[in-house]
Structures are given as C-alpha cells and as structure tokens.
C-alpha cells in the first residue's frame, strides 16, 4: 500500500483494539500525523506517547476540527447514540464516513450524520491486530471511485480488503470472516482434546495442535495452490490422513456442520442489525 490514496485529513473516533490496530497500520504505511486527528475519551499514556511521536492531534476541542475528508468510526456500537452529536458536527457533505460498527447499518449512520452523503460499512476481524486481518466492505451509492480507493488504502493497513456488491452481503461477511477466527481457535481446542484422548500429554497435544494450525495457515498464505489441492497433497490413498478425512468429509461431517454454523451466525447478524 502506498500513501498516494490517503486522505488529506482523517478523524478517527475510537482508538480501542480495532481502531488502534487501524491507526498502527496507517502510520506504518505512511499516513502523516499532520493529516490525522484521534478522538478517544479513554486515551491512555501509550496513545498519548504515540501522538507525540507521530505528531497527530489527540482529543482537541471539537469546535476546532473542520469536517475531514474521512471520518472513521472505531467506537463500540452501543456508543453510537452518545457519539451522534459529535458525528453530526464532524461529517460534512464532502466527508466519507467509514464505520466498523457491527450491527449498525448505513441507514443508522445516515440518520446520525445527515450532513454526509458517502458511507462505507466495513467488517474487519481480529487478526487485524497483527496486520493480517480481512475486511469485508460495502459502500453507499454516493461513494465515489476516489473514496473507494481511499477506503482500500486505509483498510489495507490491517490486511486484506474484500469489496462486496452491497450492504446486504455484510451479514454473510460477518458470519464467514468476522466470526471466522473463533472457528479456527475452536478447531485448535478440538484438535488438542482429540490428541489428549489419543494418549498425548495435554501440553504436548496443545503445542502440536497450535503449531499445526499456525503452520498450515502460513502455508496457505504463501502457496499459490487452492485449499483442496493442498489437502490432496497431504493425503496419501489409504493412509492415515485419508482415514481421518473419511470421517470429516462424511455426509454428516464438517461441511454441513460449517454451513449450519455460518447460517446461524448470519441469522444472528441480521437480527442485531434490526
């Protein structure tokens, strides 16, 4: 990512875990402190030191902040109503509002920032904290190509960016990638428990399971091969892996289970979105 698509002015509201991860990514990628303002009532010493080091403004008076090119909402979803007055004052007609608030629709944002026209709804996931996240993104009709490019540049600071055709796809994004890291972590738990059941000491089983998932993920990241081919490359006919896959790939195995899990997450995301 280059800084060429970065906005001339950006305000970040909320620099918690995900907002802080985005902030780190932007600064690492070349966003200048002069272009950046961070608003966070719970700012700690580390954020203050970061502001001093990089030269961005931290919690200046709202009255002194002009509507920026981009306003990123990194607050908790339940804080949206409390933040609405500040949001309405900061979001001008030329401001792109990017929200990572789970369950808050573009219509929710439009109602609280009536002065703005362009809105993007983004769903990052937890690996964003190590710049290896994946973020699903949907835009309102008023978002321009230049604003899409700025969005991609900013969100690329925390990993991969995937645009979807419309906001109606965000619930499915939430179910697959937003919640997906938890599925992987649970797989490690299950593999550990299976190793213990097979006779391994608990600590050995835990290290083997964790290391296996970490290594397989890195191989998937580096390899040009698709997952099915990688699976087939590990599987010798009639061997141990094939015996295990016969169980996992049975009619009532992992595929239908994962479909049900993702469908349940998607349904819950729709319920939370109202």
Protein backbone atom coordinates (compact mmCIF):
# COMPACT_ATOMS: atom_id res chain seq x y z
CA UNK A 1 0.00 0.00 0.00
CA UNK A 2 1.20 3.47 -0.79
CA UNK A 3 0.16 6.74 0.80
CA UNK A 4 -0.91 8.23 -2.54
CA UNK A 5 -4.58 7.34 -1.96
CA UNK A 6 -4.59 8.56 1.64
CA UNK A 7 -6.88 11.47 2.55
CA UNK A 8 -5.56 14.92 3.33
CA UNK A 9 -7.49 14.88 6.59
CA UNK A 10 -8.76 11.97 8.66
CA UNK A 11 -10.52 11.81 12.01
CA UNK A 12 -10.60 8.53 13.94
CA UNK A 13 -13.30 8.27 16.59
CA UNK A 14 -12.33 5.47 18.94
CA UNK A 15 -8.81 4.01 19.21
CA UNK A 16 -9.52 0.80 21.09
CA UNK A 17 -8.42 -2.63 19.91
CA UNK A 18 -9.63 -2.39 16.33
CA UNK A 19 -9.36 1.38 15.98
CA UNK A 20 -5.86 1.20 17.45
CA UNK A 21 -4.92 -1.56 15.01
CA UNK A 22 -6.06 0.61 12.10
CA UNK A 23 -4.12 3.56 13.48
CA UNK A 24 -0.94 1.48 13.68
CA UNK A 25 -1.44 0.28 10.12
CA UNK A 26 -1.98 3.79 8.75
CA UNK A 27 1.08 5.23 10.44
CA UNK A 28 3.22 2.29 9.34
CA UNK A 29 2.00 2.73 5.74
CA UNK A 30 2.82 6.42 5.61
CA UNK A 31 -0.18 8.46 6.72
CA UNK A 32 1.29 11.66 8.16
CA UNK A 33 0.46 12.83 11.63
CA UNK A 34 -0.44 16.26 10.25
CA UNK A 35 -3.39 14.70 8.43
CA UNK A 36 -4.67 12.77 11.46
CA UNK A 37 -6.86 13.57 14.45
CA UNK A 38 -7.80 10.93 17.03
CA UNK A 39 -10.76 11.28 19.38
CA UNK A 40 -10.91 8.86 22.30
CA UNK A 41 -12.18 9.79 25.78
CA UNK A 42 -10.35 6.78 27.20
CA UNK A 43 -6.97 7.64 25.71
CA UNK A 44 -4.15 6.14 27.75
CA UNK A 45 -0.49 7.06 28.12
CA UNK A 46 0.52 4.80 25.24
CA UNK A 47 -1.83 6.60 22.86
CA UNK A 48 -0.56 9.94 24.13
CA UNK A 49 3.03 8.89 23.53
CA UNK A 50 2.09 7.69 20.05
CA UNK A 51 0.51 11.08 19.31
CA UNK A 52 3.66 12.86 20.43
CA UNK A 53 5.89 10.55 18.40
CA UNK A 54 3.92 10.81 15.17
CA UNK A 55 2.57 14.34 15.53
CA UNK A 56 -1.16 13.71 15.28
CA UNK A 57 -3.76 15.61 17.29
CA UNK A 58 -5.32 13.76 20.22
CA UNK A 59 -8.64 14.91 21.66
CA UNK A 60 -8.57 18.54 20.51
CA UNK A 61 -11.72 20.64 21.06
CA UNK A 62 -14.42 19.51 18.63
CA UNK A 63 -15.16 23.11 17.68
CA UNK A 64 -11.67 23.40 16.20
CA UNK A 65 -11.98 20.37 13.89
CA UNK A 66 -13.11 21.05 10.33
CA UNK A 67 -15.11 18.32 8.56
CA UNK A 68 -12.42 15.89 7.34
CA UNK A 69 -12.07 14.03 4.07
CA UNK A 70 -12.59 10.79 6.00
CA UNK A 71 -14.22 10.09 9.36
CA UNK A 72 -13.59 6.57 10.67
CA UNK A 73 -15.89 5.26 13.39
CA UNK A 74 -13.98 2.83 15.60
CA UNK A 75 -16.19 3.22 18.68
CA UNK A 76 -18.25 0.42 20.20
CA UNK A 77 -21.67 0.01 18.51
CA UNK A 78 -23.52 0.78 21.75
CA UNK A 79 -21.75 4.16 21.90
CA UNK A 80 -23.18 5.39 18.59
CA UNK A 81 -26.08 7.32 20.10
CA UNK A 82 -23.82 9.08 22.62
CA UNK A 83 -21.38 9.96 19.83
CA UNK A 84 -24.11 11.14 17.44
CA UNK A 85 -23.81 14.89 18.20
CA UNK A 86 -20.06 14.84 17.57
CA UNK A 87 -20.55 12.68 14.49
CA UNK A 88 -23.14 15.05 13.06
CA UNK A 89 -20.85 18.02 13.64
CA UNK A 90 -17.82 16.42 12.03
CA UNK A 91 -19.41 14.81 8.97
CA UNK A 92 -19.76 17.39 6.20
CA UNK A 93 -21.08 16.95 2.66
CA UNK A 94 -17.59 16.05 1.40
CA UNK A 95 -16.80 13.63 4.24
CA UNK A 96 -16.57 9.89 3.68
CA UNK A 97 -17.81 8.09 6.79
CA UNK A 98 -16.25 4.64 7.28
CA UNK A 99 -17.87 2.57 10.03
CA UNK A 100 -16.63 -0.66 11.59
CA UNK A 101 -19.59 -0.76 13.99
CA UNK A 102 -21.03 -4.28 13.95
CA UNK A 103 -24.79 -4.34 13.52
CA UNK A 104 -25.11 -0.66 12.62
CA UNK A 105 -26.46 -0.21 9.10
CA UNK A 106 -25.76 2.57 6.64
CA UNK A 107 -29.28 3.85 7.38
CA UNK A 108 -28.35 4.05 11.09
CA UNK A 109 -25.31 6.15 10.17
CA UNK A 110 -27.20 8.40 7.74
CA UNK A 111 -29.72 9.23 10.46
CA UNK A 112 -26.94 10.35 12.81
CA UNK A 113 -24.80 12.17 10.24
CA UNK A 114 -27.35 13.88 7.99
CA UNK A 115 -24.75 16.27 6.60
CA UNK A 116 -22.71 13.49 4.99
CA UNK A 117 -23.58 11.72 1.75
CA UNK A 118 -20.96 8.96 1.39
CA UNK A 119 -20.90 6.00 3.77
CA UNK A 120 -18.89 2.79 3.88
CA UNK A 121 -19.66 -0.11 6.17
CA UNK A 122 -16.67 -2.33 6.96
CA UNK A 123 -16.36 -5.59 8.89
CA UNK A 124 -12.76 -6.32 9.93
CA UNK A 125 -11.74 -9.31 12.02
CA UNK A 126 -9.44 -9.94 14.98
CA UNK A 127 -6.20 -10.70 13.05
CA UNK A 128 -6.28 -7.02 12.06
CA UNK A 129 -4.43 -6.51 15.34
CA UNK A 130 -1.39 -8.15 13.73
CA UNK A 131 -1.99 -6.63 10.26
CA UNK A 132 -3.25 -9.98 8.95
CA UNK A 133 -6.97 -9.28 9.05
CA UNK A 134 -9.54 -9.49 6.31
CA UNK A 135 -12.17 -6.78 5.98
CA UNK A 136 -15.42 -7.03 4.04
CA UNK A 137 -16.59 -3.64 2.74
CA UNK A 138 -19.82 -2.25 1.29
CA UNK A 139 -20.49 1.30 0.07
CA UNK A 140 -23.50 3.55 -0.25
CA UNK A 141 -24.45 4.74 -3.72
CA UNK A 142 -22.83 8.16 -3.24
CA UNK A 143 -19.32 6.80 -2.61
CA UNK A 144 -17.00 7.81 -5.47
CA UNK A 145 -14.22 5.79 -7.04
CA UNK A 146 -11.68 8.05 -5.36
CA UNK A 147 -13.33 7.40 -1.99
CA UNK A 148 -13.29 3.67 -2.68
CA UNK A 149 -9.56 3.93 -3.37
CA UNK A 150 -9.04 5.80 -0.08
CA UNK A 151 -11.05 3.16 1.77
CA UNK A 152 -8.98 0.36 0.26
CA UNK A 153 -5.73 2.17 1.10
CA UNK A 154 -6.77 2.74 4.70
CA UNK A 155 -8.15 -0.73 5.39
CA UNK A 156 -5.22 -2.42 3.64
CA UNK A 157 -3.15 -1.22 6.59
CA UNK A 158 -4.71 -4.03 8.66
CA UNK A 159 -4.75 -6.75 6.00
CA UNK A 160 -6.81 -7.93 3.04
CA UNK A 161 -9.79 -5.92 1.75
CA UNK A 162 -12.76 -7.53 0.01
CA UNK A 163 -15.47 -5.34 -1.53
CA UNK A 164 -18.95 -6.86 -1.68
CA UNK A 165 -21.69 -5.69 -4.07
CA UNK A 166 -23.95 -4.24 -1.38
CA UNK A 167 -24.67 -3.89 2.32
CA UNK A 168 -26.97 -6.91 2.21
CA UNK A 169 -23.84 -9.09 1.98
CA UNK A 170 -22.28 -7.78 5.20
CA UNK A 171 -24.15 -10.24 7.43
CA UNK A 172 -22.64 -13.12 5.44
CA UNK A 173 -19.20 -11.46 5.66
CA UNK A 174 -19.68 -11.26 9.42
CA UNK A 175 -20.57 -14.95 9.58
CA UNK A 176 -17.59 -16.10 7.49
CA UNK A 177 -14.64 -13.81 8.24
CA UNK A 178 -15.84 -11.63 11.10
CA UNK A 179 -16.59 -14.62 13.33
CA UNK A 180 -14.27 -16.97 11.45
CA UNK A 181 -11.18 -16.62 13.68
CA UNK A 182 -13.21 -18.05 16.56
CA UNK A 183 -13.95 -21.13 14.45
CA UNK A 184 -10.23 -21.63 13.86
CA UNK A 185 -9.41 -21.17 17.54
CA UNK A 186 -12.09 -23.72 18.41
CA UNK A 187 -10.57 -26.13 15.90
CA UNK A 188 -7.29 -25.87 17.83
CA UNK A 189 -9.18 -26.64 21.04
CA UNK A 190 -10.86 -29.65 19.48
CA UNK A 191 -7.64 -30.97 17.95
CA UNK A 192 -5.92 -30.58 21.33
CA UNK A 193 -8.68 -32.52 23.08
CA UNK A 194 -8.53 -35.23 20.41
CA UNK A 195 -4.77 -35.51 20.90
CA UNK A 196 -5.23 -35.92 24.64
CA UNK A 197 -7.89 -38.58 24.01
CA UNK A 198 -5.38 -40.36 21.76
CA UNK A 199 -2.92 -40.57 24.65
CA UNK A 200 -0.72 -37.48 24.33
CA UNK A 201 0.21 -35.37 27.38
CA UNK A 202 -2.00 -32.27 27.48
CA UNK A 203 0.82 -29.79 26.99
CA UNK A 204 2.26 -31.73 24.05
CA UNK A 205 -1.17 -32.05 22.43
CA UNK A 206 -1.72 -28.29 22.82
CA UNK A 207 1.60 -27.39 21.24
CA UNK A 208 1.14 -29.84 18.38
CA UNK A 209 -2.38 -28.60 17.63
CA UNK A 210 -1.48 -24.92 17.80
CA UNK A 211 1.70 -25.30 15.77
CA UNK A 212 -0.11 -27.34 13.14
CA UNK A 213 -2.81 -24.69 12.60
CA UNK A 214 -0.23 -21.90 12.57
CA UNK A 215 1.94 -23.72 10.03
CA UNK A 216 -0.98 -24.75 7.82
CA UNK A 217 -2.24 -21.16 7.79
CA UNK A 218 1.17 -19.83 6.80
CA UNK A 219 1.46 -22.44 4.05
CA UNK A 220 -1.99 -21.45 2.78
CA UNK A 221 -0.87 -17.81 2.85
CA UNK A 222 2.31 -18.43 0.87
CA UNK A 223 1.16 -21.12 -1.56
CA UNK A 224 -0.49 -20.33 -4.91
CA UNK A 225 -2.40 -23.61 -4.64
CA UNK A 226 -6.07 -23.72 -3.63
CA UNK A 227 -7.04 -25.37 -0.32
CA UNK A 228 -8.43 -28.50 -1.98
CA UNK A 229 -5.14 -29.13 -3.80
CA UNK A 230 -3.13 -28.56 -0.63
CA UNK A 231 -5.39 -31.05 1.16
CA UNK A 232 -4.95 -33.60 -1.58
CA UNK A 233 -1.16 -33.14 -1.48
CA UNK A 234 -1.15 -34.14 2.19
CA UNK A 235 -3.42 -37.14 1.67
CA UNK A 236 -1.95 -40.46 0.58
CA UNK A 237 -4.52 -43.01 -0.66
CA UNK A 238 -5.26 -45.47 2.09
CA UNK A 239 -3.11 -43.59 4.59
CA UNK A 240 -3.69 -42.04 7.99
CA UNK A 241 -4.88 -38.65 6.68
CA UNK A 242 -7.32 -40.35 4.33
CA UNK A 243 -8.77 -42.31 7.26
CA UNK A 244 -9.37 -39.11 9.21
CA UNK A 245 -10.81 -37.29 6.20
CA UNK A 246 -13.27 -40.12 5.64
CA UNK A 247 -14.79 -39.06 8.96
CA UNK A 248 -14.56 -35.30 8.44
CA UNK A 249 -15.90 -35.45 4.87
CA UNK A 250 -18.75 -37.86 5.60
CA UNK A 251 -22.31 -36.83 4.73
CA UNK A 252 -22.87 -35.60 8.28
CA UNK A 253 -19.31 -34.35 8.72
CA UNK A 254 -17.63 -30.96 8.66
CA UNK A 255 -19.22 -29.45 5.52
CA UNK A 256 -22.86 -29.48 6.70
CA UNK A 257 -21.75 -28.55 10.21
CA UNK A 258 -19.88 -25.48 8.95
CA UNK A 259 -22.83 -24.49 6.74
CA UNK A 260 -25.12 -24.61 9.76
CA UNK A 261 -22.66 -22.63 11.88
CA UNK A 262 -22.26 -19.88 9.28
CA UNK A 263 -26.02 -19.76 8.69
CA UNK A 264 -26.60 -19.33 12.43
CA UNK A 265 -24.05 -16.51 12.62
CA UNK A 266 -25.57 -14.82 9.56
CA UNK A 267 -29.05 -15.02 11.06
CA UNK A 268 -27.84 -13.53 14.33
CA UNK A 269 -26.05 -10.73 12.50
CA UNK A 270 -29.31 -9.91 10.68
CA UNK A 271 -31.18 -9.85 13.98
CA UNK A 272 -28.63 -7.49 15.54
CA UNK A 273 -28.83 -5.20 12.51
CA UNK A 274 -32.54 -4.84 13.07
